[in-house]
Amino acid sequence: LAEQTGLIADITRWVVRRALRDQTWLVEAGNSVTVYLNLSGRLLA
């Protein structure tokens, strides 16, 4: 639904920021790991 209506851009922005904050918390706890996020093809171009 988000992809059909254009809301996917705002949702992806939220996901990126939340994931980066969560990853920062993991790093500070001594756990380094690469975090992969799904990126819609509608945003890739």
All heavy atoms as atom14 arrays in JSON, in Angstrom:
{
  "sequence": "LAEQTGLIADITRWVVRRALRDQTWLVEAGNSVTVYLNLSGRLLA",
  "atom14_mask": [
    [1, 1, 1, 1, 1, 1, 1, 1, 0, 0, 0, 0, 0, 0],
    [1, 1, 1, 1, 1, 0, 0, 0, 0, 0, 0, 0, 0, 0],
    [1, 1, 1, 1, 1, 1, 1, 1, 1, 0, 0, 0, 0, 0],
    [1, 1, 1, 1, 1, 1, 1, 1, 1, 0, 0, 0, 0, 0],
    [1, 1, 1, 1, 1, 1, 1, 0, 0, 0, 0, 0, 0, 0],
    [1, 1, 1, 1, 0, 0, 0, 0, 0, 0, 0, 0, 0, 0],
    [1, 1, 1, 1, 1, 1, 1, 1, 0, 0, 0, 0, 0, 0],
    [1, 1, 1, 1, 1, 1, 1, 1, 0, 0, 0, 0, 0, 0],
    [1, 1, 1, 1, 1, 0, 0, 0, 0, 0, 0, 0, 0, 0],
    [1, 1, 1, 1, 1, 1, 1, 1, 0, 0, 0, 0, 0, 0],
    [1, 1, 1, 1, 1, 1, 1, 1, 0, 0, 0, 0, 0, 0],
    [1, 1, 1, 1, 1, 1, 1, 0, 0, 0, 0, 0, 0, 0],
    [1, 1, 1, 1, 1, 1, 1, 1, 1, 1, 1, 0, 0, 0],
    [1, 1, 1, 1, 1, 1, 1, 1, 1, 1, 1, 1, 1, 1],
    [1, 1, 1, 1, 1, 1, 1, 0, 0, 0, 0, 0, 0, 0],
    [1, 1, 1, 1, 1, 1, 1, 0, 0, 0, 0, 0, 0, 0],
    [1, 1, 1, 1, 1, 1, 1, 1, 1, 1, 1, 0, 0, 0],
    [1, 1, 1, 1, 1, 1, 1, 1, 1, 1, 1, 0, 0, 0],
    [1, 1, 1, 1, 1, 0, 0, 0, 0, 0, 0, 0, 0, 0],
    [1, 1, 1, 1, 1, 1, 1, 1, 0, 0, 0, 0, 0, 0],
    [1, 1, 1, 1, 1, 1, 1, 1, 1, 1, 1, 0, 0, 0],
    [1, 1, 1, 1, 1, 1, 1, 1, 0, 0, 0, 0, 0, 0],
    [1, 1, 1, 1, 1, 1, 1, 1, 1, 0, 0, 0, 0, 0],
    [1, 1, 1, 1, 1, 1, 1, 0, 0, 0, 0, 0, 0, 0],
    [1, 1, 1, 1, 1, 1, 1, 1, 1, 1, 1, 1, 1, 1],
    [1, 1, 1, 1, 1, 1, 1, 1, 0, 0, 0, 0, 0, 0],
    [1, 1, 1, 1, 1, 1, 1, 0, 0, 0, 0, 0, 0, 0],
    [1, 1, 1, 1, 1, 1, 1, 1, 1, 0, 0, 0, 0, 0],
    [1, 1, 1, 1, 1, 0, 0, 0, 0, 0, 0, 0, 0, 0],
    [1, 1, 1, 1, 0, 0, 0, 0, 0, 0, 0, 0, 0, 0],
    [1, 1, 1, 1, 1, 1, 1, 1, 0, 0, 0, 0, 0, 0],
    [1, 1, 1, 1, 1, 1, 0, 0, 0, 0, 0, 0, 0, 0],
    [1, 1, 1, 1, 1, 1, 1, 0, 0, 0, 0, 0, 0, 0],
    [1, 1, 1, 1, 1, 1, 1, 0, 0, 0, 0, 0, 0, 0],
    [1, 1, 1, 1, 1, 1, 1, 0, 0, 0, 0, 0, 0, 0],
    [1, 1, 1, 1, 1, 1, 1, 1, 1, 1, 1, 1, 0, 0],
    [1, 1, 1, 1, 1, 1, 1, 1, 0, 0, 0, 0, 0, 0],
    [1, 1, 1, 1, 1, 1, 1, 1, 0, 0, 0, 0, 0, 0],
    [1, 1, 1, 1, 1, 1, 1, 1, 0, 0, 0, 0, 0, 0],
    [1, 1, 1, 1, 1, 1, 0, 0, 0, 0, 0, 0, 0, 0],
    [1, 1, 1, 1, 0, 0, 0, 0, 0, 0, 0, 0, 0, 0],
    [1, 1, 1, 1, 1, 1, 1, 1, 1, 1, 1, 0, 0, 0],
    [1, 1, 1, 1, 1, 1, 1, 1, 0, 0, 0, 0, 0, 0],
    [1, 1, 1, 1, 1, 1, 1, 1, 0, 0, 0, 0, 0, 0],
    [1, 1, 1, 1, 1, 0, 0, 0, 0, 0, 0, 0, 0, 0]
  ],
  "atom14_positions": [
    [[0.83, -1.2, 0.0], [0.0, 0.0, 0.0], [0.87, 1.25, 0.0], [0.58, 2.23, -0.7], [-0.93, -0.02, 1.22], [-1.87, 1.16, 1.4], [-2.82, 1.27, 0.21], [-2.66, 1.02, 2.7], [0.0, 0.0, 0.0], [0.0, 0.0, 0.0], [0.0, 0.0, 0.0], [0.0, 0.0, 0.0], [0.0, 0.0, 0.0], [0.0, 0.0, 0.0]],
    [[1.93, 1.24, 0.79], [2.82, 2.39, 0.87], [3.49, 2.65, -0.48], [3.68, 3.81, -0.88], [3.87, 2.17, 1.95], [0.0, 0.0, 0.0], [0.0, 0.0, 0.0], [0.0, 0.0, 0.0], [0.0, 0.0, 0.0], [0.0, 0.0, 0.0], [0.0, 0.0, 0.0], [0.0, 0.0, 0.0], [0.0, 0.0, 0.0], [0.0, 0.0, 0.0]],
    [[3.86, 1.58, -1.19], [4.49, 1.76, -2.5], [3.51, 2.33, -3.51], [3.89, 3.15, -4.35], [5.05, 0.42, -2.98], [6.28, -0.04, -2.22], [6.91, -1.28, -2.82], [6.16, -2.15, -3.3], [8.15, -1.36, -2.81], [0.0, 0.0, 0.0], [0.0, 0.0, 0.0], [0.0, 0.0, 0.0], [0.0, 0.0, 0.0], [0.0, 0.0, 0.0]],
    [[2.26, 1.91, -3.45], [1.27, 2.39, -4.4], [0.94, 3.86, -4.19], [0.61, 4.57, -5.14], [-0.02, 1.57, -4.26], [0.12, 0.12, -4.67], [-1.13, -0.68, -4.34], [-2.22, -0.13, -4.27], [-0.96, -1.97, -4.12], [0.0, 0.0, 0.0], [0.0, 0.0, 0.0], [0.0, 0.0, 0.0], [0.0, 0.0, 0.0], [0.0, 0.0, 0.0]],
    [[1.04, 4.33, -2.96], [0.6, 5.7, -2.64], [1.74, 6.69, -2.45], [1.49, 7.87, -2.22], [-0.24, 5.68, -1.34], [0.55, 5.13, -0.28], [-1.49, 4.84, -1.53], [0.0, 0.0, 0.0], [0.0, 0.0, 0.0], [0.0, 0.0, 0.0], [0.0, 0.0, 0.0], [0.0, 0.0, 0.0], [0.0, 0.0, 0.0], [0.0, 0.0, 0.0]],
    [[2.98, 6.23, -2.53], [4.11, 7.14, -2.36], [4.57, 7.3, -0.93], [5.56, 8.0, -0.67], [0.0, 0.0, 0.0], [0.0, 0.0, 0.0], [0.0, 0.0, 0.0], [0.0, 0.0, 0.0], [0.0, 0.0, 0.0], [0.0, 0.0, 0.0], [0.0, 0.0, 0.0], [0.0, 0.0, 0.0], [0.0, 0.0, 0.0], [0.0, 0.0, 0.0]],
    [[3.88, 6.66, 0.02], [4.26, 6.77, 1.42], [5.54, 5.99, 1.73], [6.14, 6.17, 2.79], [3.11, 6.26, 2.31], [3.22, 6.47, 3.81], [3.36, 7.94, 4.15], [2.01, 5.86, 4.53], [0.0, 0.0, 0.0], [0.0, 0.0, 0.0], [0.0, 0.0, 0.0], [0.0, 0.0, 0.0], [0.0, 0.0, 0.0], [0.0, 0.0, 0.0]],
    [[5.98, 5.16, 0.81], [7.15, 4.32, 1.04], [8.4, 5.15, 1.32], [9.28, 4.72, 2.07], [7.38, 3.37, -0.17], [8.42, 2.31, 0.17], [7.74, 4.16, -1.42], [8.02, 1.37, 1.26], [0.0, 0.0, 0.0], [0.0, 0.0, 0.0], [0.0, 0.0, 0.0], [0.0, 0.0, 0.0], [0.0, 0.0, 0.0], [0.0, 0.0, 0.0]],
    [[8.5, 6.34, 0.76], [9.68, 7.19, 1.0], [9.75, 7.61, 2.46], [10.8, 7.52, 3.09], [9.65, 8.41, 0.08], [0.0, 0.0, 0.0], [0.0, 0.0, 0.0], [0.0, 0.0, 0.0], [0.0, 0.0, 0.0], [0.0, 0.0, 0.0], [0.0, 0.0, 0.0], [0.0, 0.0, 0.0], [0.0, 0.0, 0.0], [0.0, 0.0, 0.0]],
    [[8.62, 8.06, 3.01], [8.6, 8.47, 4.42], [8.85, 7.28, 5.34], [9.54, 7.41, 6.36], [7.26, 9.13, 4.75], [7.08, 10.47, 4.07], [8.11, 11.1, 3.74], [5.93, 10.89, 3.86], [0.0, 0.0, 0.0], [0.0, 0.0, 0.0], [0.0, 0.0, 0.0], [0.0, 0.0, 0.0], [0.0, 0.0, 0.0], [0.0, 0.0, 0.0]],
    [[8.28, 6.14, 5.01], [8.49, 4.95, 5.84], [9.95, 4.53, 5.81], [10.53, 4.17, 6.85], [7.57, 3.81, 5.36], [6.11, 4.11, 5.73], [8.0, 2.48, 5.96], [5.14, 3.07, 5.28], [0.0, 0.0, 0.0], [0.0, 0.0, 0.0], [0.0, 0.0, 0.0], [0.0, 0.0, 0.0], [0.0, 0.0, 0.0], [0.0, 0.0, 0.0]],
    [[10.56, 4.56, 4.63], [11.96, 4.18, 4.53], [12.86, 5.13, 5.31], [13.84, 4.7, 5.94], [12.4, 4.12, 3.06], [11.53, 3.22, 2.34], [13.83, 3.62, 2.92], [0.0, 0.0, 0.0], [0.0, 0.0, 0.0], [0.0, 0.0, 0.0], [0.0, 0.0, 0.0], [0.0, 0.0, 0.0], [0.0, 0.0, 0.0], [0.0, 0.0, 0.0]],
    [[12.55, 6.4, 5.3], [13.31, 7.36, 6.11], [13.22, 6.99, 7.59], [14.23, 7.05, 8.32], [12.8, 8.78, 5.88], [13.11, 9.35, 4.5], [12.75, 10.83, 4.42], [13.0, 11.37, 3.09], [12.1, 11.45, 2.14], [10.86, 11.03, 2.38], [12.4, 11.93, 0.95], [0.0, 0.0, 0.0], [0.0, 0.0, 0.0], [0.0, 0.0, 0.0]],
    [[12.03, 6.63, 8.04], [11.86, 6.23, 9.44], [12.69, 4.98, 9.73], [13.37, 4.9, 10.78], [10.38, 5.96, 9.72], [10.09, 5.61, 11.14], [9.72, 6.46, 12.14], [10.17, 4.3, 11.74], [9.57, 5.78, 13.32], [9.83, 4.46, 13.11], [10.48, 3.04, 11.27], [9.81, 3.38, 14.0], [10.48, 1.97, 12.15], [10.14, 2.14, 13.5]],
    [[12.64, 4.0, 8.83], [13.37, 2.76, 9.04], [14.88, 3.01, 9.11], [15.58, 2.47, 9.98], [13.05, 1.75, 7.92], [14.0, 0.56, 7.97], [11.61, 1.28, 8.02], [0.0, 0.0, 0.0], [0.0, 0.0, 0.0], [0.0, 0.0, 0.0], [0.0, 0.0, 0.0], [0.0, 0.0, 0.0], [0.0, 0.0, 0.0], [0.0, 0.0, 0.0]],
    [[15.4, 3.83, 8.21], [16.83, 4.11, 8.18], [17.28, 4.74, 9.51], [18.27, 4.31, 10.12], [17.19, 5.03, 7.0], [18.63, 5.55, 7.11], [17.01, 4.28, 5.67], [0.0, 0.0, 0.0], [0.0, 0.0, 0.0], [0.0, 0.0, 0.0], [0.0, 0.0, 0.0], [0.0, 0.0, 0.0], [0.0, 0.0, 0.0], [0.0, 0.0, 0.0]],
    [[16.55, 5.74, 9.96], [16.94, 6.42, 11.2], [16.82, 5.5, 12.41], [17.69, 5.48, 13.29], [16.11, 7.68, 11.4], [16.48, 8.82, 10.46], [15.92, 10.15, 10.94], [16.49, 11.26, 10.21], [17.66, 11.83, 10.49], [18.39, 11.36, 11.49], [18.1, 12.84, 9.79], [0.0, 0.0, 0.0], [0.0, 0.0, 0.0], [0.0, 0.0, 0.0]],
    [[15.75, 4.72, 12.48], [15.58, 3.82, 13.62], [16.68, 2.75, 13.61], [17.24, 2.41, 14.66], [14.19, 3.18, 13.57], [13.95, 2.08, 14.62], [14.18, 2.59, 16.06], [13.29, 3.68, 16.4], [12.04, 3.54, 16.85], [11.54, 2.32, 17.01], [11.32, 4.58, 17.14], [0.0, 0.0, 0.0], [0.0, 0.0, 0.0], [0.0, 0.0, 0.0]],
    [[16.97, 2.18, 12.45], [18.0, 1.15, 12.37], [19.36, 1.69, 12.76], [20.15, 1.01, 13.45], [18.05, 0.57, 10.95], [0.0, 0.0, 0.0], [0.0, 0.0, 0.0], [0.0, 0.0, 0.0], [0.0, 0.0, 0.0], [0.0, 0.0, 0.0], [0.0, 0.0, 0.0], [0.0, 0.0, 0.0], [0.0, 0.0, 0.0], [0.0, 0.0, 0.0]],
    [[19.67, 2.91, 12.34], [20.96, 3.5, 12.71], [21.04, 3.77, 14.21], [22.1, 3.56, 14.82], [21.17, 4.8, 11.91], [21.51, 4.61, 10.44], [21.44, 5.93, 9.69], [22.89, 3.99, 10.26], [0.0, 0.0, 0.0], [0.0, 0.0, 0.0], [0.0, 0.0, 0.0], [0.0, 0.0, 0.0], [0.0, 0.0, 0.0], [0.0, 0.0, 0.0]],
    [[19.95, 4.2, 14.81], [19.95, 4.4, 16.27], [20.11, 3.06, 17.0], [20.86, 2.96, 17.98], [18.66, 5.1, 16.72], [18.59, 6.56, 16.31], [17.56, 7.31, 17.15], [16.21, 6.78, 16.95], [15.36, 7.26, 16.06], [15.72, 8.25, 15.25], [14.15, 6.74, 15.95], [0.0, 0.0, 0.0], [0.0, 0.0, 0.0], [0.0, 0.0, 0.0]],
    [[19.4, 2.04, 16.52], [19.52, 0.72, 17.14], [20.94, 0.18, 16.99], [21.5, -0.43, 17.92], [18.53, -0.26, 16.5], [17.09, 0.02, 16.92], [16.88, 0.86, 17.81], [16.19, -0.62, 16.35], [0.0, 0.0, 0.0], [0.0, 0.0, 0.0], [0.0, 0.0, 0.0], [0.0, 0.0, 0.0], [0.0, 0.0, 0.0], [0.0, 0.0, 0.0]],
    [[21.53, 0.39, 15.82], [22.89, -0.11, 15.6], [23.89, 0.62, 16.49], [24.83, 0.0, 17.01], [23.27, 0.04, 14.13], [24.57, -0.69, 13.79], [24.92, -0.57, 12.33], [24.78, 0.49, 11.74], [25.39, -1.65, 11.73], [0.0, 0.0, 0.0], [0.0, 0.0, 0.0], [0.0, 0.0, 0.0], [0.0, 0.0, 0.0], [0.0, 0.0, 0.0]],
    [[23.68, 1.9, 16.69], [24.55, 2.65, 17.6], [24.49, 2.06, 19.0], [25.51, 1.91, 19.69], [24.13, 4.13, 17.63], [24.27, 4.68, 16.31], [24.98, 4.93, 18.61], [0.0, 0.0, 0.0], [0.0, 0.0, 0.0], [0.0, 0.0, 0.0], [0.0, 0.0, 0.0], [0.0, 0.0, 0.0], [0.0, 0.0, 0.0], [0.0, 0.0, 0.0]],
    [[23.3, 1.7, 19.44], [23.13, 1.09, 20.77], [23.86, -0.25, 20.84], [24.49, -0.57, 21.84], [21.64, 0.91, 21.05], [21.33, 0.38, 22.42], [21.24, 1.08, 23.58], [21.08, -1.0, 22.75], [20.95, 0.24, 24.63], [20.84, -1.03, 24.15], [21.02, -2.19, 22.02], [20.54, -2.23, 24.82], [20.74, -3.37, 22.68], [20.51, -3.39, 24.06]],
    [[23.78, -1.05, 19.76], [24.48, -2.33, 19.73], [26.0, -2.13, 19.8], [26.71, -2.86, 20.52], [24.11, -3.1, 18.47], [22.7, -3.68, 18.39], [22.44, -4.25, 17.0], [22.49, -4.76, 19.44], [0.0, 0.0, 0.0], [0.0, 0.0, 0.0], [0.0, 0.0, 0.0], [0.0, 0.0, 0.0], [0.0, 0.0, 0.0], [0.0, 0.0, 0.0]],
    [[26.51, -1.17, 19.05], [27.95, -0.9, 19.04], [28.42, -0.49, 20.43], [29.46, -0.94, 20.92], [28.29, 0.18, 18.0], [29.75, 0.63, 18.16], [28.05, -0.34, 16.59], [0.0, 0.0, 0.0], [0.0, 0.0, 0.0], [0.0, 0.0, 0.0], [0.0, 0.0, 0.0], [0.0, 0.0, 0.0], [0.0, 0.0, 0.0], [0.0, 0.0, 0.0]],
    [[27.65, 0.37, 21.08], [28.01, 0.81, 22.42], [27.98, -0.34, 23.42], [28.67, -0.31, 24.44], [27.08, 1.93, 22.87], [27.27, 3.23, 22.09], [26.23, 4.27, 22.42], [25.24, 3.92, 23.14], [26.38, 5.43, 21.99], [0.0, 0.0, 0.0], [0.0, 0.0, 0.0], [0.0, 0.0, 0.0], [0.0, 0.0, 0.0], [0.0, 0.0, 0.0]],
    [[27.17, -1.38, 23.13], [27.12, -2.56, 23.98], [28.19, -3.59, 23.62], [28.25, -4.67, 24.2], [25.74, -3.2, 23.9], [0.0, 0.0, 0.0], [0.0, 0.0, 0.0], [0.0, 0.0, 0.0], [0.0, 0.0, 0.0], [0.0, 0.0, 0.0], [0.0, 0.0, 0.0], [0.0, 0.0, 0.0], [0.0, 0.0, 0.0], [0.0, 0.0, 0.0]],
    [[29.03, -3.25, 22.63], [30.11, -4.13, 22.24], [29.75, -5.15, 21.18], [30.48, -6.13, 20.99], [0.0, 0.0, 0.0], [0.0, 0.0, 0.0], [0.0, 0.0, 0.0], [0.0, 0.0, 0.0], [0.0, 0.0, 0.0], [0.0, 0.0, 0.0], [0.0, 0.0, 0.0], [0.0, 0.0, 0.0], [0.0, 0.0, 0.0], [0.0, 0.0, 0.0]],
    [[28.64, -4.92, 20.49], [28.18, -5.87, 19.47], [28.14, -5.19, 18.1], [27.2, -4.47, 17.78], [26.78, -6.4, 19.82], [26.76, -7.16, 21.12], [27.63, -7.99, 21.37], [25.78, -6.88, 21.97], [0.0, 0.0, 0.0], [0.0, 0.0, 0.0], [0.0, 0.0, 0.0], [0.0, 0.0, 0.0], [0.0, 0.0, 0.0], [0.0, 0.0, 0.0]],
    [[29.16, -5.41, 17.32], [29.24, -4.82, 15.98], [28.66, -5.8, 14.97], [29.07, -6.97, 14.92], [30.69, -4.49, 15.62], [31.2, -3.5, 16.49], [0.0, 0.0, 0.0], [0.0, 0.0, 0.0], [0.0, 0.0, 0.0], [0.0, 0.0, 0.0], [0.0, 0.0, 0.0], [0.0, 0.0, 0.0], [0.0, 0.0, 0.0], [0.0, 0.0, 0.0]],
    [[27.75, -5.35, 14.15], [27.11, -6.19, 13.16], [26.59, -5.31, 12.04], [26.18, -4.16, 12.27], [25.95, -7.0, 13.81], [24.83, -6.09, 14.27], [25.42, -8.06, 12.87], [0.0, 0.0, 0.0], [0.0, 0.0, 0.0], [0.0, 0.0, 0.0], [0.0, 0.0, 0.0], [0.0, 0.0, 0.0], [0.0, 0.0, 0.0], [0.0, 0.0, 0.0]],
    [[26.65, -5.79, 10.81], [26.11, -5.04, 9.68], [24.59, -5.21, 9.65], [24.08, -6.32, 9.76], [26.71, -5.54, 8.35], [28.12, -5.39, 8.39], [26.15, -4.75, 7.18], [0.0, 0.0, 0.0], [0.0, 0.0, 0.0], [0.0, 0.0, 0.0], [0.0, 0.0, 0.0], [0.0, 0.0, 0.0], [0.0, 0.0, 0.0], [0.0, 0.0, 0.0]],
    [[23.89, -4.11, 9.49], [22.42, -4.12, 9.45], [21.97, -3.85, 8.02], [22.32, -2.83, 7.42], [21.82, -3.06, 10.39], [20.29, -3.03, 10.26], [22.22, -3.33, 11.84], [0.0, 0.0, 0.0], [0.0, 0.0, 0.0], [0.0, 0.0, 0.0], [0.0, 0.0, 0.0], [0.0, 0.0, 0.0], [0.0, 0.0, 0.0], [0.0, 0.0, 0.0]],
    [[21.21, -4.79, 7.47], [20.66, -4.65, 6.11], [19.21, -4.2, 6.18], [18.42, -4.72, 6.98], [20.75, -5.97, 5.35], [22.12, -6.27, 4.8], [23.08, -6.91, 5.57], [22.45, -5.91, 3.5], [24.34, -7.19, 5.07], [23.71, -6.18, 2.97], [24.65, -6.81, 3.77], [25.9, -7.09, 3.27], [0.0, 0.0, 0.0], [0.0, 0.0, 0.0]],
    [[18.85, -3.25, 5.32], [17.5, -2.73, 5.23], [16.96, -2.99, 3.82], [17.72, -2.98, 2.85], [17.46, -1.22, 5.5], [18.23, -0.71, 6.72], [18.18, 0.81, 6.76], [17.65, -1.3, 7.99], [0.0, 0.0, 0.0], [0.0, 0.0, 0.0], [0.0, 0.0, 0.0], [0.0, 0.0, 0.0], [0.0, 0.0, 0.0], [0.0, 0.0, 0.0]],
    [[15.67, -3.19, 3.71], [15.05, -3.38, 2.4], [14.8, -2.02, 1.75], [14.24, -1.12, 2.38], [13.74, -4.15, 2.54], [13.97, -5.59, 2.92], [14.35, -6.41, 2.11], [13.76, -5.92, 4.19], [0.0, 0.0, 0.0], [0.0, 0.0, 0.0], [0.0, 0.0, 0.0], [0.0, 0.0, 0.0], [0.0, 0.0, 0.0], [0.0, 0.0, 0.0]],
    [[15.21, -1.89, 0.5], [15.04, -0.63, -0.24], [14.13, -0.89, -1.44], [14.43, -1.73, -2.29], [16.39, -0.1, -0.7], [16.38, 1.23, -1.45], [15.83, 2.34, -0.57], [17.78, 1.6, -1.94], [0.0, 0.0, 0.0], [0.0, 0.0, 0.0], [0.0, 0.0, 0.0], [0.0, 0.0, 0.0], [0.0, 0.0, 0.0], [0.0, 0.0, 0.0]],
    [[13.02, -0.17, -1.48], [12.05, -0.33, -2.56], [12.64, 0.07, -3.9], [13.37, 1.07, -4.01], [10.8, 0.51, -2.27], [9.95, 0.57, -3.4], [0.0, 0.0, 0.0], [0.0, 0.0, 0.0], [0.0, 0.0, 0.0], [0.0, 0.0, 0.0], [0.0, 0.0, 0.0], [0.0, 0.0, 0.0], [0.0, 0.0, 0.0], [0.0, 0.0, 0.0]],
    [[12.29, -0.68, -4.93], [12.72, -0.32, -6.28], [12.18, 1.02, -6.72], [12.76, 1.67, -7.6], [0.0, 0.0, 0.0], [0.0, 0.0, 0.0], [0.0, 0.0, 0.0], [0.0, 0.0, 0.0], [0.0, 0.0, 0.0], [0.0, 0.0, 0.0], [0.0, 0.0, 0.0], [0.0, 0.0, 0.0], [0.0, 0.0, 0.0], [0.0, 0.0, 0.0]],
    [[11.08, 1.46, -6.12], [10.5, 2.76, -6.46], [11.39, 3.91, -6.01], [11.24, 5.04, -6.48], [9.1, 2.9, -5.86], [8.09, 1.9, -6.42], [6.74, 2.03, -5.74], [5.8, 1.06, -6.26], [4.96, 1.27, -7.26], [4.94, 2.46, -7.84], [4.13, 0.33, -7.67], [0.0, 0.0, 0.0], [0.0, 0.0, 0.0], [0.0, 0.0, 0.0]],
    [[12.29, 3.66, -5.05], [13.17, 4.7, -4.54], [14.57, 4.6, -5.12], [15.34, 5.56, -5.05], [13.26, 4.61, -3.01], [11.94, 4.74, -2.25], [12.17, 4.51, -0.77], [11.32, 6.11, -2.49], [0.0, 0.0, 0.0], [0.0, 0.0, 0.0], [0.0, 0.0, 0.0], [0.0, 0.0, 0.0], [0.0, 0.0, 0.0], [0.0, 0.0, 0.0]],
    [[14.9, 3.47, -5.69], [16.27, 3.21, -6.11], [16.72, 4.17, -7.21], [17.9, 4.54, -7.28], [16.4, 1.76, -6.59], [17.81, 1.25, -6.87], [18.69, 1.42, -5.64], [17.76, -0.21, -7.29], [0.0, 0.0, 0.0], [0.0, 0.0, 0.0], [0.0, 0.0, 0.0], [0.0, 0.0, 0.0], [0.0, 0.0, 0.0], [0.0, 0.0, 0.0]],
    [[15.81, 4.57, -8.09], [16.18, 5.46, -9.19], [16.13, 6.93, -8.8], [16.44, 7.8, -9.62], [15.26, 5.21, -10.38], [0.0, 0.0, 0.0], [0.0, 0.0, 0.0], [0.0, 0.0, 0.0], [0.0, 0.0, 0.0], [0.0, 0.0, 0.0], [0.0, 0.0, 0.0], [0.0, 0.0, 0.0], [0.0, 0.0, 0.0], [0.0, 0.0, 0.0]]
  ]
}
